[in-house]
């Protein structure tokens, strides 16, 4: 969320909404004069009731795009259907590999040589929506889960604002089979796969 807010002009962040009253992002947003809201999931008896309250808070802001950032709750199909093709998420793996939790530990256990992050459109399938952009890092011989996660996080901070900007610029198109194509996207001048270091 912070990387999107700090990405510069053209990204009008209407509000930051959290399900946790103590989330650090709320203080950061308020310091940037962005409206904040809390919809505490512990105050709702069912997932559907929480999702309805969350949707009400979102809809009051009349957003063009809903961006999930550090939101760790599974949303109901009805909630997802409310924002078709206009809700994005970032996942810390190169989907379709390692959906769900503990992605860095699972990548290390599997012995993969390349790991990374994926920005995708949210659909009812967990981490299964159309892919917009991916960023990759090499997995080094002496990597720990923490070191690998830190390098992937750097990639996340680059690709998520880029994906949001593409959406705002109306450059994201859906093919007949539901995949994403980014109109006019150029190959980055620096490769997404960085060499990494052992230091």
N, C-alpha and C. Protein backbone atom coordinates (compact mmCIF):
# COMPACT_ATOMS: atom_id res chain seq x y z
N UNK A 1 0.84 -1.20 0.00
CA UNK A 1 0.00 0.00 0.00
C UNK A 1 0.87 1.25 0.00
N UNK A 2 1.91 1.24 0.82
CA UNK A 2 2.79 2.40 0.90
C UNK A 2 3.46 2.66 -0.45
N UNK A 3 3.91 1.61 -1.13
CA UNK A 3 4.59 1.81 -2.42
C UNK A 3 3.64 2.38 -3.46
N UNK A 4 2.36 2.04 -3.37
CA UNK A 4 1.37 2.58 -4.32
C UNK A 4 1.12 4.06 -4.02
N UNK A 5 0.96 4.40 -2.74
CA UNK A 5 0.74 5.79 -2.36
C UNK A 5 1.93 6.66 -2.79
N UNK A 6 3.13 6.12 -2.64
CA UNK A 6 4.35 6.90 -2.93
C UNK A 6 4.75 6.84 -4.40
N UNK A 7 3.96 6.16 -5.23
CA UNK A 7 4.32 5.98 -6.64
C UNK A 7 4.20 7.26 -7.45
N UNK A 8 3.56 8.28 -6.90
CA UNK A 8 3.53 9.56 -7.60
C UNK A 8 2.18 9.88 -8.19
N UNK A 9 2.19 10.82 -9.11
CA UNK A 9 0.96 11.35 -9.67
C UNK A 9 0.23 10.30 -10.50
N UNK A 10 -1.06 10.50 -10.61
CA UNK A 10 -1.87 9.63 -11.44
C UNK A 10 -2.56 8.51 -10.69
N UNK A 11 -2.12 8.24 -9.47
CA UNK A 11 -2.74 7.18 -8.67
C UNK A 11 -3.47 7.85 -7.50
N UNK A 12 -4.74 8.08 -7.68
CA UNK A 12 -5.56 8.77 -6.69
C UNK A 12 -6.12 7.76 -5.70
N UNK A 13 -5.45 7.61 -4.58
CA UNK A 13 -5.89 6.66 -3.55
C UNK A 13 -7.02 7.31 -2.76
N UNK A 14 -8.23 6.79 -2.91
CA UNK A 14 -9.40 7.40 -2.26
C UNK A 14 -9.45 7.13 -0.77
N UNK A 15 -9.10 5.89 -0.37
CA UNK A 15 -9.20 5.52 1.04
C UNK A 15 -8.37 4.27 1.29
N UNK A 16 -7.99 4.10 2.54
CA UNK A 16 -7.35 2.87 3.00
C UNK A 16 -8.26 2.27 4.05
N UNK A 17 -8.68 1.04 3.81
CA UNK A 17 -9.63 0.36 4.69
C UNK A 17 -8.96 -0.88 5.26
N UNK A 18 -9.05 -1.06 6.56
CA UNK A 18 -8.42 -2.22 7.20
C UNK A 18 -9.44 -2.97 8.05
N UNK A 19 -9.22 -4.27 8.18
CA UNK A 19 -10.04 -5.05 9.10
C UNK A 19 -9.39 -5.14 10.48
N UNK A 20 -8.24 -4.50 10.64
CA UNK A 20 -7.54 -4.52 11.93
C UNK A 20 -7.31 -3.08 12.41
N UNK A 21 -7.91 -2.70 13.53
CA UNK A 21 -7.81 -1.31 14.00
C UNK A 21 -6.38 -0.83 14.19
N UNK A 22 -5.45 -1.73 14.54
CA UNK A 22 -4.09 -1.30 14.81
C UNK A 22 -3.14 -1.41 13.63
N UNK A 23 -3.66 -1.61 12.44
CA UNK A 23 -2.80 -1.78 11.27
C UNK A 23 -1.96 -0.53 11.02
N UNK A 24 -0.65 -0.75 10.79
CA UNK A 24 0.26 0.37 10.59
C UNK A 24 -0.08 1.20 9.37
N UNK A 25 -0.69 0.58 8.38
CA UNK A 25 -1.04 1.30 7.16
C UNK A 25 -2.03 2.43 7.39
N UNK A 26 -2.84 2.31 8.42
CA UNK A 26 -3.83 3.35 8.72
C UNK A 26 -3.14 4.65 9.12
N UNK A 27 -2.14 4.52 9.97
CA UNK A 27 -1.39 5.71 10.41
C UNK A 27 -0.65 6.34 9.24
N UNK A 28 -0.05 5.50 8.41
CA UNK A 28 0.67 6.01 7.24
C UNK A 28 -0.29 6.75 6.31
N UNK A 29 -1.46 6.16 6.05
CA UNK A 29 -2.44 6.79 5.16
C UNK A 29 -2.91 8.13 5.73
N UNK A 30 -3.20 8.14 7.02
CA UNK A 30 -3.66 9.38 7.66
C UNK A 30 -2.60 10.47 7.55
N UNK A 31 -1.33 10.08 7.66
CA UNK A 31 -0.25 11.07 7.57
C UNK A 31 -0.14 11.65 6.16
N UNK A 32 -0.72 10.94 5.18
CA UNK A 32 -0.74 11.44 3.80
C UNK A 32 -2.11 12.00 3.42
N UNK A 33 -2.91 12.29 4.45
CA UNK A 33 -4.24 12.89 4.27
C UNK A 33 -5.16 12.04 3.39
N UNK A 34 -5.03 10.74 3.54
CA UNK A 34 -5.91 9.79 2.85
C UNK A 34 -6.94 9.31 3.86
N UNK A 35 -8.19 9.26 3.44
CA UNK A 35 -9.26 8.80 4.33
C UNK A 35 -9.00 7.37 4.79
N UNK A 36 -9.24 7.10 6.05
CA UNK A 36 -9.07 5.74 6.58
C UNK A 36 -10.39 5.26 7.18
N UNK A 37 -10.59 3.95 7.08
CA UNK A 37 -11.77 3.32 7.65
C UNK A 37 -11.35 1.98 8.24
N UNK A 38 -12.05 1.56 9.28
CA UNK A 38 -11.83 0.25 9.87
C UNK A 38 -13.14 -0.52 9.87
N UNK A 39 -13.10 -1.72 9.31
CA UNK A 39 -14.22 -2.65 9.39
C UNK A 39 -13.66 -3.88 10.09
N UNK A 40 -13.81 -3.92 11.40
CA UNK A 40 -13.18 -4.96 12.22
C UNK A 40 -13.95 -6.28 12.06
N UNK A 41 -13.26 -7.27 11.50
CA UNK A 41 -13.93 -8.55 11.22
C UNK A 41 -14.40 -9.26 12.49
N UNK A 42 -13.79 -8.92 13.64
CA UNK A 42 -14.19 -9.61 14.88
C UNK A 42 -15.57 -9.18 15.34
N UNK A 43 -16.11 -8.12 14.76
CA UNK A 43 -17.44 -7.66 15.15
C UNK A 43 -18.57 -8.27 14.35
N UNK A 44 -18.25 -9.25 13.50
CA UNK A 44 -19.27 -9.84 12.63
C UNK A 44 -19.31 -11.36 12.83
N UNK A 45 -20.52 -11.88 12.89
CA UNK A 45 -20.69 -13.30 13.19
C UNK A 45 -20.42 -14.23 12.03
N UNK A 46 -20.51 -13.71 10.81
CA UNK A 46 -20.29 -14.57 9.65
C UNK A 46 -19.38 -13.84 8.66
N UNK A 47 -18.76 -14.63 7.81
CA UNK A 47 -17.92 -14.06 6.76
C UNK A 47 -18.76 -13.19 5.83
N UNK A 48 -19.99 -13.63 5.55
CA UNK A 48 -20.87 -12.88 4.66
C UNK A 48 -21.24 -11.52 5.24
N UNK A 49 -21.48 -11.47 6.55
CA UNK A 49 -21.83 -10.21 7.20
C UNK A 49 -20.65 -9.24 7.15
N UNK A 50 -19.45 -9.76 7.39
CA UNK A 50 -18.26 -8.90 7.32
C UNK A 50 -18.07 -8.39 5.90
N UNK A 51 -18.18 -9.27 4.92
CA UNK A 51 -17.98 -8.86 3.53
C UNK A 51 -19.00 -7.81 3.11
N UNK A 52 -20.22 -7.92 3.60
CA UNK A 52 -21.25 -6.93 3.26
C UNK A 52 -20.88 -5.57 3.85
N UNK A 53 -20.39 -5.56 5.08
CA UNK A 53 -19.98 -4.30 5.70
C UNK A 53 -18.75 -3.72 5.00
N UNK A 54 -17.82 -4.59 4.61
CA UNK A 54 -16.63 -4.12 3.89
C UNK A 54 -17.02 -3.54 2.54
N UNK A 55 -17.92 -4.21 1.85
CA UNK A 55 -18.37 -3.70 0.56
C UNK A 55 -19.04 -2.34 0.71
N UNK A 56 -19.81 -2.16 1.76
CA UNK A 56 -20.44 -0.87 2.00
C UNK A 56 -19.43 0.24 2.20
N UNK A 57 -18.37 -0.07 2.95
CA UNK A 57 -17.31 0.93 3.18
C UNK A 57 -16.58 1.26 1.89
N UNK A 58 -16.34 0.24 1.08
CA UNK A 58 -15.65 0.45 -0.20
C UNK A 58 -16.53 1.26 -1.15
N UNK A 59 -17.78 0.86 -1.29
CA UNK A 59 -18.67 1.49 -2.26
C UNK A 59 -18.92 2.96 -1.94
N UNK A 60 -18.86 3.32 -0.66
CA UNK A 60 -19.05 4.71 -0.28
C UNK A 60 -17.95 5.60 -0.87
N UNK A 61 -16.82 5.01 -1.21
CA UNK A 61 -15.70 5.77 -1.79
C UNK A 61 -15.77 5.83 -3.31
N UNK A 62 -16.68 5.08 -3.91
CA UNK A 62 -16.87 5.02 -5.36
C UNK A 62 -15.55 4.78 -6.10
N UNK A 63 -14.85 3.71 -5.76
CA UNK A 63 -13.54 3.50 -6.38
C UNK A 63 -13.65 2.90 -7.79
N UNK A 64 -12.67 3.22 -8.59
CA UNK A 64 -12.53 2.60 -9.91
C UNK A 64 -11.88 1.22 -9.77
N UNK A 65 -11.02 1.08 -8.76
CA UNK A 65 -10.25 -0.14 -8.56
C UNK A 65 -10.13 -0.42 -7.08
N UNK A 66 -10.23 -1.71 -6.71
CA UNK A 66 -10.01 -2.15 -5.34
C UNK A 66 -8.68 -2.91 -5.31
N UNK A 67 -7.78 -2.48 -4.44
CA UNK A 67 -6.43 -3.06 -4.39
C UNK A 67 -6.22 -3.70 -3.02
N UNK A 68 -5.98 -4.99 -3.01
CA UNK A 68 -5.72 -5.68 -1.76
C UNK A 68 -4.21 -5.60 -1.47
N UNK A 69 -3.87 -5.19 -0.27
CA UNK A 69 -2.46 -5.06 0.11
C UNK A 69 -2.31 -5.51 1.55
N UNK A 70 -1.80 -6.70 1.74
CA UNK A 70 -1.66 -7.24 3.09
C UNK A 70 -2.97 -7.67 3.70
N UNK A 71 -3.99 -7.86 2.88
CA UNK A 71 -5.30 -8.27 3.38
C UNK A 71 -5.34 -9.79 3.39
N UNK A 72 -5.35 -10.40 4.57
CA UNK A 72 -5.12 -11.83 4.71
C UNK A 72 -6.40 -12.64 4.95
N UNK A 73 -7.53 -12.13 4.51
CA UNK A 73 -8.77 -12.88 4.68
C UNK A 73 -9.29 -13.34 3.31
N UNK A 74 -9.84 -14.55 3.30
CA UNK A 74 -10.44 -15.06 2.07
C UNK A 74 -11.82 -14.43 1.91
N UNK A 75 -12.06 -13.85 0.75
CA UNK A 75 -13.32 -13.15 0.48
C UNK A 75 -14.34 -14.11 -0.11
N UNK A 76 -15.61 -13.86 0.18
CA UNK A 76 -16.67 -14.71 -0.36
C UNK A 76 -16.82 -14.49 -1.86
N UNK A 77 -17.39 -15.48 -2.53
CA UNK A 77 -17.62 -15.37 -3.97
C UNK A 77 -18.50 -14.17 -4.30
N UNK A 78 -19.48 -13.90 -3.44
CA UNK A 78 -20.37 -12.77 -3.68
C UNK A 78 -19.63 -11.44 -3.63
N UNK A 79 -18.69 -11.33 -2.71
CA UNK A 79 -17.90 -10.10 -2.61
C UNK A 79 -17.05 -9.93 -3.86
N UNK A 80 -16.39 -10.99 -4.29
CA UNK A 80 -15.53 -10.92 -5.47
C UNK A 80 -16.35 -10.54 -6.70
N UNK A 81 -17.55 -11.11 -6.81
CA UNK A 81 -18.41 -10.84 -7.97
C UNK A 81 -18.85 -9.38 -8.02
N UNK A 82 -18.79 -8.70 -6.89
CA UNK A 82 -19.20 -7.29 -6.84
C UNK A 82 -18.22 -6.39 -7.58
N UNK A 83 -16.97 -6.83 -7.72
CA UNK A 83 -15.93 -6.01 -8.35
C UNK A 83 -15.25 -6.80 -9.48
N UNK A 84 -16.00 -7.21 -10.48
CA UNK A 84 -15.42 -8.05 -11.53
C UNK A 84 -14.35 -7.31 -12.33
N UNK A 85 -13.19 -7.93 -12.43
CA UNK A 85 -12.08 -7.40 -13.22
C UNK A 85 -11.61 -6.03 -12.74
N UNK A 86 -11.94 -5.67 -11.51
CA UNK A 86 -11.44 -4.40 -10.97
C UNK A 86 -11.03 -4.53 -9.51
N UNK A 87 -10.56 -5.73 -9.16
CA UNK A 87 -9.96 -5.94 -7.85
C UNK A 87 -8.65 -6.70 -8.06
N UNK A 88 -7.55 -6.14 -7.54
CA UNK A 88 -6.23 -6.72 -7.74
C UNK A 88 -5.66 -7.21 -6.41
N UNK A 89 -4.78 -8.20 -6.51
CA UNK A 89 -4.05 -8.71 -5.35
C UNK A 89 -2.62 -8.98 -5.76
N UNK A 90 -1.73 -8.97 -4.79
CA UNK A 90 -0.35 -9.38 -5.04
C UNK A 90 -0.05 -10.59 -4.18
N UNK A 91 0.65 -11.56 -4.79
CA UNK A 91 0.95 -12.80 -4.09
C UNK A 91 2.45 -13.06 -4.16
N UNK A 92 3.08 -13.46 -3.05
CA UNK A 92 4.52 -13.64 -3.02
C UNK A 92 5.00 -14.98 -3.57
N UNK A 93 4.65 -15.26 -4.81
CA UNK A 93 5.22 -16.39 -5.54
C UNK A 93 4.96 -16.16 -7.02
N UNK A 94 5.59 -16.97 -7.84
CA UNK A 94 5.33 -16.92 -9.28
C UNK A 94 4.18 -17.87 -9.56
N UNK A 95 2.97 -17.35 -9.42
CA UNK A 95 1.79 -18.18 -9.68
C UNK A 95 1.84 -18.73 -11.10
N UNK A 96 1.33 -19.94 -11.31
CA UNK A 96 0.51 -20.74 -10.40
C UNK A 96 1.27 -21.55 -9.36
N UNK A 97 2.58 -21.38 -9.24
CA UNK A 97 3.33 -22.10 -8.21
C UNK A 97 3.07 -21.49 -6.83
N UNK A 98 2.90 -22.33 -5.86
CA UNK A 98 2.80 -21.96 -4.44
C UNK A 98 1.69 -20.96 -4.12
N UNK A 99 0.46 -21.26 -4.47
CA UNK A 99 -0.64 -20.42 -3.99
C UNK A 99 -0.81 -20.62 -2.48
N UNK A 100 -1.52 -19.70 -1.84
CA UNK A 100 -1.75 -19.85 -0.41
C UNK A 100 -0.61 -19.29 0.43
N UNK A 101 -0.42 -19.88 1.61
CA UNK A 101 0.50 -19.35 2.61
C UNK A 101 1.89 -19.99 2.54
N UNK A 102 2.84 -19.40 3.27
CA UNK A 102 4.19 -19.94 3.47
C UNK A 102 4.92 -20.17 2.15
N UNK A 103 4.79 -19.22 1.24
CA UNK A 103 5.32 -19.43 -0.10
C UNK A 103 6.84 -19.53 -0.13
N UNK A 104 7.54 -18.73 0.67
CA UNK A 104 8.99 -18.72 0.61
C UNK A 104 9.57 -20.03 1.16
N UNK A 105 9.02 -20.50 2.26
CA UNK A 105 9.47 -21.78 2.81
C UNK A 105 9.20 -22.92 1.83
N UNK A 106 8.05 -22.88 1.18
CA UNK A 106 7.71 -23.93 0.23
C UNK A 106 8.61 -23.88 -1.00
N UNK A 107 8.96 -22.67 -1.44
CA UNK A 107 9.86 -22.54 -2.59
C UNK A 107 11.23 -23.11 -2.26
N UNK A 108 11.73 -22.81 -1.06
CA UNK A 108 13.03 -23.34 -0.66
C UNK A 108 12.99 -24.86 -0.54
N UNK A 109 11.92 -25.38 0.03
CA UNK A 109 11.79 -26.83 0.20
C UNK A 109 11.71 -27.55 -1.14
N UNK A 110 11.11 -26.88 -2.13
CA UNK A 110 10.96 -27.49 -3.45
C UNK A 110 12.24 -27.41 -4.28
N UNK A 111 13.18 -26.56 -3.83
CA UNK A 111 14.44 -26.44 -4.54
C UNK A 111 14.36 -25.66 -5.83
N UNK A 112 13.37 -24.75 -5.95
CA UNK A 112 13.27 -23.96 -7.17
C UNK A 112 14.45 -23.01 -7.27
N UNK A 113 14.79 -22.63 -8.48
CA UNK A 113 15.93 -21.74 -8.72
C UNK A 113 15.50 -20.29 -8.91
N UNK A 114 14.21 -20.09 -9.18
CA UNK A 114 13.67 -18.75 -9.38
C UNK A 114 12.37 -18.63 -8.58
N UNK A 115 12.20 -17.52 -7.91
CA UNK A 115 11.02 -17.27 -7.09
C UNK A 115 10.60 -15.82 -7.36
N UNK A 116 9.49 -15.37 -6.82
CA UNK A 116 9.11 -13.99 -7.08
C UNK A 116 7.73 -13.64 -6.59
N UNK A 117 7.09 -12.72 -7.31
CA UNK A 117 5.78 -12.21 -6.91
C UNK A 117 4.91 -12.03 -8.15
N UNK A 118 3.60 -12.07 -7.93
CA UNK A 118 2.62 -11.98 -9.02
C UNK A 118 1.51 -11.02 -8.65
N UNK A 119 1.20 -10.09 -9.54
CA UNK A 119 -0.01 -9.27 -9.40
C UNK A 119 -1.07 -9.90 -10.29
N UNK A 120 -2.23 -10.17 -9.72
CA UNK A 120 -3.28 -10.83 -10.48
C UNK A 120 -4.65 -10.23 -10.17
N UNK A 121 -5.57 -10.47 -11.07
CA UNK A 121 -6.96 -10.07 -10.88
C UNK A 121 -7.59 -11.07 -9.90
N UNK A 122 -8.36 -10.57 -8.95
CA UNK A 122 -8.99 -11.44 -7.96
C UNK A 122 -10.21 -12.10 -8.56
N UNK A 123 -10.28 -13.42 -8.41
CA UNK A 123 -11.44 -14.22 -8.80
C UNK A 123 -11.79 -15.12 -7.62
N UNK A 124 -12.91 -15.84 -7.69
CA UNK A 124 -13.23 -16.74 -6.56
C UNK A 124 -12.18 -17.82 -6.31
N UNK A 125 -11.39 -18.19 -7.33
CA UNK A 125 -10.34 -19.20 -7.14
C UNK A 125 -9.17 -18.57 -6.39
N UNK A 126 -8.79 -19.14 -5.27
CA UNK A 126 -7.73 -18.59 -4.43
C UNK A 126 -6.43 -18.45 -5.23
N UNK A 127 -5.94 -17.22 -5.35
CA UNK A 127 -4.70 -16.92 -6.07
C UNK A 127 -4.71 -17.48 -7.49
N UNK A 128 -5.91 -17.54 -8.08
CA UNK A 128 -6.04 -18.17 -9.39
C UNK A 128 -6.49 -17.26 -10.50
N UNK A 129 -6.57 -15.96 -10.26
CA UNK A 129 -7.06 -15.03 -11.27
C UNK A 129 -6.03 -14.73 -12.34
N UNK A 130 -6.46 -14.08 -13.42
CA UNK A 130 -5.55 -13.75 -14.52
C UNK A 130 -4.35 -12.93 -14.05
N UNK A 131 -3.18 -13.30 -14.55
CA UNK A 131 -1.93 -12.67 -14.15
C UNK A 131 -1.71 -11.39 -14.96
N UNK A 132 -1.37 -10.31 -14.26
CA UNK A 132 -1.07 -9.03 -14.91
C UNK A 132 0.43 -8.87 -15.11
N UNK A 133 1.20 -9.09 -14.04
CA UNK A 133 2.65 -8.93 -14.14
C UNK A 133 3.30 -9.79 -13.06
N UNK A 134 4.51 -10.25 -13.36
CA UNK A 134 5.30 -11.00 -12.40
C UNK A 134 6.71 -10.42 -12.33
N UNK A 135 7.31 -10.53 -11.17
CA UNK A 135 8.70 -10.15 -11.00
C UNK A 135 9.43 -11.30 -10.34
N UNK A 136 10.65 -11.58 -10.79
CA UNK A 136 11.37 -12.75 -10.32
C UNK A 136 12.71 -12.39 -9.70
N UNK A 137 13.15 -13.24 -8.77
CA UNK A 137 14.49 -13.15 -8.18
C UNK A 137 15.08 -14.55 -8.17
N UNK A 138 16.40 -14.65 -8.24
CA UNK A 138 17.02 -15.97 -8.14
C UNK A 138 16.96 -16.48 -6.70
N UNK A 139 16.89 -17.77 -6.55
CA UNK A 139 17.02 -18.39 -5.24
C UNK A 139 18.48 -18.78 -5.06
N UNK A 140 19.11 -18.22 -4.04
CA UNK A 140 20.55 -18.43 -3.83
C UNK A 140 20.80 -19.63 -2.94
N UNK A 141 22.00 -20.17 -3.06
CA UNK A 141 22.34 -21.41 -2.37
C UNK A 141 22.16 -21.32 -0.86
N UNK A 142 22.55 -20.21 -0.29
CA UNK A 142 22.49 -20.07 1.17
C UNK A 142 21.27 -19.28 1.62
N UNK A 143 20.24 -19.22 0.81
CA UNK A 143 19.05 -18.44 1.17
C UNK A 143 18.34 -19.02 2.39
N UNK A 144 17.84 -18.12 3.22
CA UNK A 144 16.88 -18.47 4.27
C UNK A 144 15.53 -17.93 3.83
N UNK A 145 14.50 -18.35 4.51
CA UNK A 145 13.16 -17.85 4.20
C UNK A 145 13.12 -16.33 4.31
N UNK A 146 13.77 -15.78 5.34
CA UNK A 146 13.74 -14.34 5.57
C UNK A 146 14.48 -13.57 4.48
N UNK A 147 15.62 -14.06 4.07
CA UNK A 147 16.40 -13.37 3.04
C UNK A 147 15.68 -13.41 1.70
N UNK A 148 15.12 -14.55 1.39
CA UNK A 148 14.38 -14.67 0.13
C UNK A 148 13.16 -13.76 0.15
N UNK A 149 12.44 -13.74 1.28
CA UNK A 149 11.25 -12.89 1.40
C UNK A 149 11.60 -11.42 1.22
N UNK A 150 12.75 -10.99 1.76
CA UNK A 150 13.14 -9.59 1.65
C UNK A 150 13.40 -9.20 0.20
N UNK A 151 14.01 -10.08 -0.57
CA UNK A 151 14.28 -9.78 -1.98
C UNK A 151 12.99 -9.78 -2.79
N UNK A 152 12.10 -10.70 -2.47
CA UNK A 152 10.81 -10.72 -3.16
C UNK A 152 10.01 -9.47 -2.84
N UNK A 153 10.08 -9.00 -1.61
CA UNK A 153 9.34 -7.79 -1.22
C UNK A 153 9.78 -6.59 -2.04
N UNK A 154 11.07 -6.49 -2.33
CA UNK A 154 11.56 -5.39 -3.18
C UNK A 154 10.89 -5.44 -4.55
N UNK A 155 10.73 -6.64 -5.09
CA UNK A 155 10.07 -6.81 -6.39
C UNK A 155 8.60 -6.43 -6.27
N UNK A 156 7.95 -6.84 -5.18
CA UNK A 156 6.53 -6.50 -4.98
C UNK A 156 6.34 -4.99 -5.02
N UNK A 157 7.23 -4.26 -4.38
CA UNK A 157 7.10 -2.80 -4.31
C UNK A 157 7.28 -2.15 -5.68
N UNK A 158 7.90 -2.85 -6.61
CA UNK A 158 8.06 -2.33 -7.96
C UNK A 158 6.87 -2.66 -8.85
N UNK A 159 6.43 -3.91 -8.79
CA UNK A 159 5.43 -4.35 -9.78
C UNK A 159 3.99 -3.98 -9.41
N UNK A 160 3.69 -3.83 -8.12
CA UNK A 160 2.30 -3.53 -7.77
C UNK A 160 1.90 -2.12 -8.21
N UNK A 161 2.69 -1.08 -7.90
CA UNK A 161 2.32 0.24 -8.42
C UNK A 161 2.25 0.27 -9.94
N UNK A 162 3.12 -0.50 -10.60
CA UNK A 162 3.08 -0.54 -12.06
C UNK A 162 1.77 -1.11 -12.56
N UNK A 163 1.31 -2.20 -11.96
CA UNK A 163 0.05 -2.82 -12.36
C UNK A 163 -1.13 -1.87 -12.13
N UNK A 164 -1.11 -1.17 -11.00
CA UNK A 164 -2.19 -0.22 -10.71
C UNK A 164 -2.18 0.91 -11.74
N UNK A 165 -1.00 1.39 -12.08
CA UNK A 165 -0.90 2.45 -13.08
C UNK A 165 -1.44 1.98 -14.43
N UNK A 166 -1.10 0.75 -14.83
CA UNK A 166 -1.63 0.21 -16.09
C UNK A 166 -3.15 0.19 -16.08
N UNK A 167 -3.72 -0.18 -14.93
CA UNK A 167 -5.19 -0.21 -14.83
C UNK A 167 -5.76 1.19 -14.99
N UNK A 168 -5.20 2.14 -14.25
CA UNK A 168 -5.69 3.52 -14.29
C UNK A 168 -5.57 4.10 -15.70
N UNK A 169 -4.51 3.72 -16.40
CA UNK A 169 -4.30 4.19 -17.78
C UNK A 169 -5.10 3.40 -18.80
N UNK A 170 -5.93 2.47 -18.31
CA UNK A 170 -6.80 1.63 -19.16
C UNK A 170 -6.00 0.84 -20.20
N UNK A 171 -4.87 0.32 -19.77
CA UNK A 171 -4.02 -0.46 -20.66
C UNK A 171 -4.20 -1.96 -20.45
N UNK A 172 -4.96 -2.35 -19.44
CA UNK A 172 -5.18 -3.77 -19.18
C UNK A 172 -6.38 -4.24 -19.99
N UNK A 173 -6.17 -5.25 -20.80
CA UNK A 173 -7.23 -5.81 -21.63
C UNK A 173 -7.36 -7.30 -21.34
N UNK A 174 -8.57 -7.81 -21.49
CA UNK A 174 -8.83 -9.23 -21.28
C UNK A 174 -9.06 -9.90 -22.62
N UNK A 175 -8.38 -11.03 -22.83
CA UNK A 175 -8.57 -11.78 -24.06
C UNK A 175 -9.86 -12.58 -23.97
N UNK A 176 -10.25 -13.19 -25.07
CA UNK A 176 -11.49 -13.95 -25.11
C UNK A 176 -11.50 -15.09 -24.09
N UNK A 177 -10.33 -15.64 -23.78
CA UNK A 177 -10.28 -16.73 -22.81
C UNK A 177 -10.03 -16.24 -21.38
N UNK A 178 -10.08 -14.92 -21.16
CA UNK A 178 -9.99 -14.37 -19.81
C UNK A 178 -8.60 -14.02 -19.34
N UNK A 179 -7.59 -14.24 -20.17
CA UNK A 179 -6.22 -13.86 -19.80
C UNK A 179 -6.06 -12.35 -19.93
N UNK A 180 -4.99 -11.82 -19.36
CA UNK A 180 -4.72 -10.39 -19.38
C UNK A 180 -3.62 -10.08 -20.40
N UNK A 181 -3.86 -9.01 -21.15
CA UNK A 181 -2.83 -8.46 -22.01
C UNK A 181 -2.70 -6.99 -21.64
N UNK A 182 -1.47 -6.49 -21.54
CA UNK A 182 -1.24 -5.09 -21.21
C UNK A 182 -0.87 -4.36 -22.49
N UNK A 183 -1.75 -3.47 -22.92
CA UNK A 183 -1.53 -2.75 -24.17
C UNK A 183 -0.35 -1.79 -24.04
N UNK A 184 0.57 -1.90 -24.97
CA UNK A 184 1.71 -0.99 -25.00
C UNK A 184 2.76 -1.23 -23.94
N UNK A 185 2.69 -2.37 -23.25
CA UNK A 185 3.70 -2.65 -22.22
C UNK A 185 5.04 -2.88 -22.89
N UNK A 186 6.07 -2.33 -22.29
CA UNK A 186 7.42 -2.49 -22.83
C UNK A 186 8.25 -3.35 -21.91
N UNK A 187 9.22 -4.04 -22.49
CA UNK A 187 10.13 -4.82 -21.68
C UNK A 187 10.95 -3.86 -20.83
N UNK A 188 11.05 -4.09 -19.51
CA UNK A 188 11.79 -3.17 -18.66
C UNK A 188 13.26 -3.09 -19.06
N UNK A 189 13.86 -1.92 -18.84
CA UNK A 189 15.26 -1.74 -19.22
C UNK A 189 16.17 -2.59 -18.35
N UNK A 190 15.73 -2.90 -17.14
CA UNK A 190 16.49 -3.81 -16.29
C UNK A 190 15.68 -5.09 -16.15
N UNK A 191 16.33 -6.26 -16.26
CA UNK A 191 15.57 -7.50 -16.16
C UNK A 191 14.95 -7.67 -14.79
N UNK A 192 13.79 -8.30 -14.74
CA UNK A 192 13.15 -8.55 -13.47
C UNK A 192 13.93 -9.57 -12.67
N UNK A 193 14.66 -10.45 -13.35
CA UNK A 193 15.50 -11.41 -12.65
C UNK A 193 16.84 -10.72 -12.36
N UNK A 194 17.03 -10.35 -11.11
CA UNK A 194 18.26 -9.66 -10.74
C UNK A 194 19.28 -10.70 -10.28
N UNK A 195 20.56 -10.37 -10.40
CA UNK A 195 21.57 -11.37 -10.08
C UNK A 195 21.64 -11.75 -8.61
N UNK A 196 21.26 -10.83 -7.71
CA UNK A 196 21.34 -11.14 -6.29
C UNK A 196 22.79 -11.23 -5.83
N UNK A 197 22.98 -11.27 -4.53
CA UNK A 197 24.33 -11.40 -3.98
C UNK A 197 24.27 -12.31 -2.77
N UNK A 198 25.43 -12.77 -2.36
CA UNK A 198 25.51 -13.60 -1.16
C UNK A 198 25.81 -12.77 0.07
N UNK A 199 25.95 -11.46 -0.10
CA UNK A 199 26.33 -10.62 1.05
C UNK A 199 25.11 -10.20 1.82
